[in-house]
């Protein structure tokens, strides 16, 4: 039977070990701006997927995903060794590194929301000075008693 709690604990532990190793022990300059964002472990505890993101050297610099992926691929064996020593499980999970798309999706969603806000403000500005196309009171006025009296004859 699969123990989901154990898989979650192992995933957290693997993420912490990999992040610490990338930050302090692996001396590859391509990994200087890599951040581990999440880790998932299969129910049989044999495979671990480590999600990561890369930031640029400055705020305006474009991140170098290709070199970061190459650096992680090269360091995969050393990182798996560190995970095996740090977790103490019988079978050390294989590591797969996947670039995290959540920041890009969040940025895209923020852009869509900003576009919707601008569109709403344009509609509100146009509606503020608008007048109805027809009569000011488009509904029919109720009948008066005089009009109904003449209709009965």
C-alpha atoms as a PDB file:
ATOM      1  CA  UNK A   1       0.000   0.000   0.000  1.00  0.00           C
ATOM      2  CA  UNK A   2       1.205   3.505  -0.837  1.00  0.00           C
ATOM      3  CA  UNK A   3       1.954   5.844   2.040  1.00  0.00           C
ATOM      4  CA  UNK A   4       1.264   9.342   0.707  1.00  0.00           C
ATOM      5  CA  UNK A   5       2.554  11.025   3.863  1.00  0.00           C
ATOM      6  CA  UNK A   6       5.889   9.255   3.521  1.00  0.00           C
ATOM      7  CA  UNK A   7       6.143  10.277  -0.140  1.00  0.00           C
ATOM      8  CA  UNK A   8       5.433  13.932   0.761  1.00  0.00           C
ATOM      9  CA  UNK A   9       8.021  13.898   3.554  1.00  0.00           C
ATOM     10  CA  UNK A  10      10.605  12.314   1.272  1.00  0.00           C
ATOM     11  CA  UNK A  11       9.837  14.867  -1.454  1.00  0.00           C
ATOM     12  CA  UNK A  12      10.365  17.756   0.981  1.00  0.00           C
ATOM     13  CA  UNK A  13      13.593  16.218   2.221  1.00  0.00           C
ATOM     14  CA  UNK A  14      14.900  15.639  -1.320  1.00  0.00           C
ATOM     15  CA  UNK A  15      14.047  19.237  -2.265  1.00  0.00           C
ATOM     16  CA  UNK A  16      15.916  20.584   0.759  1.00  0.00           C
ATOM     17  CA  UNK A  17      18.964  18.391   0.120  1.00  0.00           C
ATOM     18  CA  UNK A  18      19.138  19.316  -3.580  1.00  0.00           C
ATOM     19  CA  UNK A  19      18.672  23.034  -2.870  1.00  0.00           C
ATOM     20  CA  UNK A  20      21.370  23.036  -0.201  1.00  0.00           C
ATOM     21  CA  UNK A  21      23.758  21.063  -2.384  1.00  0.00           C
ATOM     22  CA  UNK A  22      23.230  23.401  -5.348  1.00  0.00           C
ATOM     23  CA  UNK A  23      23.736  26.436  -3.137  1.00  0.00           C
ATOM     24  CA  UNK A  24      26.732  25.307  -1.077  1.00  0.00           C
ATOM     25  CA  UNK A  25      28.402  22.184  -2.450  1.00  0.00           C
ATOM     26  CA  UNK A  26      28.138  22.065  -6.246  1.00  0.00           C
ATOM     27  CA  UNK A  27      30.639  24.565  -7.642  1.00  0.00           C
ATOM     28  CA  UNK A  28      29.165  24.936 -11.118  1.00  0.00           C
ATOM     29  CA  UNK A  29      28.711  28.624 -12.060  1.00  0.00           C
ATOM     30  CA  UNK A  30      25.780  27.698 -14.305  1.00  0.00           C
ATOM     31  CA  UNK A  31      23.804  26.787 -11.170  1.00  0.00           C
ATOM     32  CA  UNK A  32      24.410  30.098  -9.376  1.00  0.00           C
ATOM     33  CA  UNK A  33      20.915  31.420 -10.161  1.00  0.00           C
ATOM     34  CA  UNK A  34      18.930  28.162  -9.916  1.00  0.00           C
ATOM     35  CA  UNK A  35      16.206  27.894  -7.264  1.00  0.00           C
ATOM     36  CA  UNK A  36      14.424  24.650  -6.389  1.00  0.00           C
ATOM     37  CA  UNK A  37      10.691  25.380  -6.231  1.00  0.00           C
ATOM     38  CA  UNK A  38       9.056  21.986  -5.693  1.00  0.00           C
ATOM     39  CA  UNK A  39       9.742  18.265  -5.585  1.00  0.00           C
ATOM     40  CA  UNK A  40       7.411  15.357  -6.351  1.00  0.00           C
ATOM     41  CA  UNK A  41       8.088  11.694  -5.631  1.00  0.00           C
ATOM     42  CA  UNK A  42       6.275   8.791  -7.264  1.00  0.00           C
ATOM     43  CA  UNK A  43       4.216   6.584  -4.917  1.00  0.00           C
ATOM     44  CA  UNK A  44       6.774   3.766  -5.165  1.00  0.00           C
ATOM     45  CA  UNK A  45       9.525   6.242  -4.081  1.00  0.00           C
ATOM     46  CA  UNK A  46      11.747   5.290  -7.036  1.00  0.00           C
ATOM     47  CA  UNK A  47      11.579   8.525  -9.051  1.00  0.00           C
ATOM     48  CA  UNK A  48      11.768  12.138  -7.930  1.00  0.00           C
ATOM     49  CA  UNK A  49      10.980  15.145 -10.087  1.00  0.00           C
ATOM     50  CA  UNK A  50      12.667  18.359  -8.977  1.00  0.00           C
ATOM     51  CA  UNK A  51      11.116  21.565 -10.300  1.00  0.00           C
ATOM     52  CA  UNK A  52      13.380  24.574 -10.571  1.00  0.00           C
ATOM     53  CA  UNK A  53      13.401  28.123 -11.823  1.00  0.00           C
ATOM     54  CA  UNK A  54      16.257  30.301 -13.013  1.00  0.00           C
ATOM     55  CA  UNK A  55      16.615  34.026 -12.471  1.00  0.00           C
ATOM     56  CA  UNK A  56      18.817  36.399 -14.400  1.00  0.00           C
ATOM     57  CA  UNK A  57      21.994  37.961 -13.058  1.00  0.00           C
ATOM     58  CA  UNK A  58      20.134  41.270 -12.789  1.00  0.00           C
ATOM     59  CA  UNK A  59      16.453  42.156 -12.725  1.00  0.00           C
ATOM     60  CA  UNK A  60      16.446  43.039 -16.410  1.00  0.00           C
ATOM     61  CA  UNK A  61      18.656  40.152 -17.572  1.00  0.00           C
ATOM     62  CA  UNK A  62      17.051  37.175 -19.266  1.00  0.00           C
ATOM     63  CA  UNK A  63      17.639  33.877 -17.384  1.00  0.00           C
ATOM     64  CA  UNK A  64      19.775  31.251 -19.093  1.00  0.00           C
ATOM     65  CA  UNK A  65      17.613  28.119 -18.912  1.00  0.00           C
ATOM     66  CA  UNK A  66      19.737  26.102 -21.341  1.00  0.00           C
ATOM     67  CA  UNK A  67      22.976  26.348 -19.390  1.00  0.00           C
ATOM     68  CA  UNK A  68      21.152  25.790 -16.087  1.00  0.00           C
ATOM     69  CA  UNK A  69      19.597  22.601 -17.475  1.00  0.00           C
ATOM     70  CA  UNK A  70      23.009  21.440 -18.713  1.00  0.00           C
ATOM     71  CA  UNK A  71      24.550  22.176 -15.303  1.00  0.00           C
ATOM     72  CA  UNK A  72      21.824  20.234 -13.490  1.00  0.00           C
ATOM     73  CA  UNK A  73      22.187  17.325 -15.887  1.00  0.00           C
ATOM     74  CA  UNK A  74      25.934  17.237 -15.256  1.00  0.00           C
ATOM     75  CA  UNK A  75      25.470  17.431 -11.464  1.00  0.00           C
ATOM     76  CA  UNK A  76      22.682  14.831 -11.394  1.00  0.00           C
ATOM     77  CA  UNK A  77      24.934  11.988 -10.203  1.00  0.00           C
ATOM     78  CA  UNK A  78      26.498  14.001  -7.376  1.00  0.00           C
ATOM     79  CA  UNK A  79      23.084  15.257  -6.316  1.00  0.00           C
ATOM     80  CA  UNK A  80      21.645  11.743  -6.303  1.00  0.00           C
ATOM     81  CA  UNK A  81      24.565  10.608  -4.128  1.00  0.00           C
ATOM     82  CA  UNK A  82      23.839  13.435  -1.675  1.00  0.00           C
ATOM     83  CA  UNK A  83      20.128  12.538  -1.658  1.00  0.00           C
ATOM     84  CA  UNK A  84      20.976   8.896  -0.919  1.00  0.00           C
ATOM     85  CA  UNK A  85      23.242   9.841   1.955  1.00  0.00           C
ATOM     86  CA  UNK A  86      20.778  12.385   3.336  1.00  0.00           C
ATOM     87  CA  UNK A  87      17.584  10.352   3.214  1.00  0.00           C
ATOM     88  CA  UNK A  88      18.700   6.883   4.246  1.00  0.00           C
ATOM     89  CA  UNK A  89      16.103   5.090   2.118  1.00  0.00           C
ATOM     90  CA  UNK A  90      16.830   1.641   0.717  1.00  0.00           C
ATOM     91  CA  UNK A  91      16.568   2.751  -2.913  1.00  0.00           C
ATOM     92  CA  UNK A  92      17.800   6.229  -3.802  1.00  0.00           C
ATOM     93  CA  UNK A  93      15.278   7.812  -6.193  1.00  0.00           C
ATOM     94  CA  UNK A  94      16.364   8.804  -9.658  1.00  0.00           C
ATOM     95  CA  UNK A  95      16.304  12.565 -10.143  1.00  0.00           C
ATOM     96  CA  UNK A  96      14.607  14.340 -13.017  1.00  0.00           C
ATOM     97  CA  UNK A  97      14.892  18.113 -13.337  1.00  0.00           C
ATOM     98  CA  UNK A  98      12.030  20.070 -14.885  1.00  0.00           C
ATOM     99  CA  UNK A  99      11.926  23.823 -15.419  1.00  0.00           C
ATOM    100  CA  UNK A 100       9.034  25.252 -13.401  1.00  0.00           C
ATOM    101  CA  UNK A 101       6.490  27.077 -15.560  1.00  0.00           C
ATOM    102  CA  UNK A 102       4.457  28.523 -12.684  1.00  0.00           C
ATOM    103  CA  UNK A 103       6.267  31.908 -12.651  1.00  0.00           C
ATOM    104  CA  UNK A 104       5.729  32.298 -16.411  1.00  0.00           C
ATOM    105  CA  UNK A 105       2.070  31.341 -16.105  1.00  0.00           C
ATOM    106  CA  UNK A 106       1.640  33.787 -13.212  1.00  0.00           C
ATOM    107  CA  UNK A 107       3.270  36.566 -15.229  1.00  0.00           C
ATOM    108  CA  UNK A 108       0.991  35.815 -18.186  1.00  0.00           C
ATOM    109  CA  UNK A 109      -2.056  35.819 -15.907  1.00  0.00           C
ATOM    110  CA  UNK A 110      -1.013  39.184 -14.434  1.00  0.00           C
ATOM    111  CA  UNK A 111      -0.695  40.613 -17.952  1.00  0.00           C
ATOM    112  CA  UNK A 112      -4.189  39.361 -18.823  1.00  0.00           C
ATOM    113  CA  UNK A 113      -5.620  40.860 -15.634  1.00  0.00           C
ATOM    114  CA  UNK A 114      -3.953  44.199 -16.360  1.00  0.00           C
ATOM    115  CA  UNK A 115      -5.377  44.181 -19.889  1.00  0.00           C
ATOM    116  CA  UNK A 116      -8.850  43.452 -18.457  1.00  0.00           C
ATOM    117  CA  UNK A 117      -8.473  46.307 -15.928  1.00  0.00           C
ATOM    118  CA  UNK A 118      -7.520  48.734 -18.713  1.00  0.00           C
ATOM    119  CA  UNK A 119     -10.461  47.595 -20.822  1.00  0.00           C
ATOM    120  CA  UNK A 120     -12.836  47.993 -17.850  1.00  0.00           C
ATOM    121  CA  UNK A 121     -11.561  51.513 -17.170  1.00  0.00           C
ATOM    122  CA  UNK A 122     -12.011  52.439 -20.859  1.00  0.00           C
ATOM    123  CA  UNK A 123     -15.599  51.151 -20.804  1.00  0.00           C
ATOM    124  CA  UNK A 124     -16.291  52.993 -17.538  1.00  0.00           C
ATOM    125  CA  UNK A 125     -14.876  56.237 -18.992  1.00  0.00           C
ATOM    126  CA  UNK A 126     -17.009  55.864 -22.118  1.00  0.00           C
ATOM    127  CA  UNK A 127     -20.119  55.100 -20.063  1.00  0.00           C
ATOM    128  CA  UNK A 128     -19.615  58.088 -17.758  1.00  0.00           C
ATOM    129  CA  UNK A 129     -20.486  60.666 -20.418  1.00  0.00           C
ATOM    130  CA  UNK A 130     -22.927  58.538 -22.411  1.00  0.00           C
ATOM    131  CA  UNK A 131     -26.581  59.300 -22.967  1.00  0.00           C
ATOM    132  CA  UNK A 132     -29.273  56.822 -23.957  1.00  0.00           C
ATOM    133  CA  UNK A 133     -29.773  56.335 -27.705  1.00  0.00           C
ATOM    134  CA  UNK A 134     -33.562  56.624 -27.539  1.00  0.00           C
ATOM    135  CA  UNK A 135     -35.872  58.541 -25.269  1.00  0.00           C
ATOM    136  CA  UNK A 136     -34.733  59.422 -21.794  1.00  0.00           C
ATOM    137  CA  UNK A 137     -37.593  57.253 -20.476  1.00  0.00           C
ATOM    138  CA  UNK A 138     -37.927  54.267 -22.818  1.00  0.00           C
ATOM    139  CA  UNK A 139     -40.908  52.787 -20.972  1.00  0.00           C
ATOM    140  CA  UNK A 140     -44.484  53.606 -21.901  1.00  0.00           C
ATOM    141  CA  UNK A 141     -46.345  55.915 -19.580  1.00  0.00           C
ATOM    142  CA  UNK A 142     -49.285  54.341 -17.767  1.00  0.00           C
ATOM    143  CA  UNK A 143     -52.727  55.102 -19.133  1.00  0.00           C
ATOM    144  CA  UNK A 144     -54.710  57.864 -17.605  1.00  0.00           C
ATOM    145  CA  UNK A 145     -58.390  57.437 -16.670  1.00  0.00           C
ATOM    146  CA  UNK A 146     -59.495  59.866 -19.412  1.00  0.00           C
ATOM    147  CA  UNK A 147     -57.953  57.742 -22.146  1.00  0.00           C
ATOM    148  CA  UNK A 148     -59.545  54.537 -20.874  1.00  0.00           C
ATOM    149  CA  UNK A 149     -62.994  56.202 -20.630  1.00  0.00           C
ATOM    150  CA  UNK A 150     -62.943  57.237 -24.272  1.00  0.00           C
ATOM    151  CA  UNK A 151     -61.876  53.752 -25.378  1.00  0.00           C
ATOM    152  CA  UNK A 152     -64.945  52.119 -23.778  1.00  0.00           C
ATOM    153  CA  UNK A 153     -67.442  53.976 -25.980  1.00  0.00           C
END
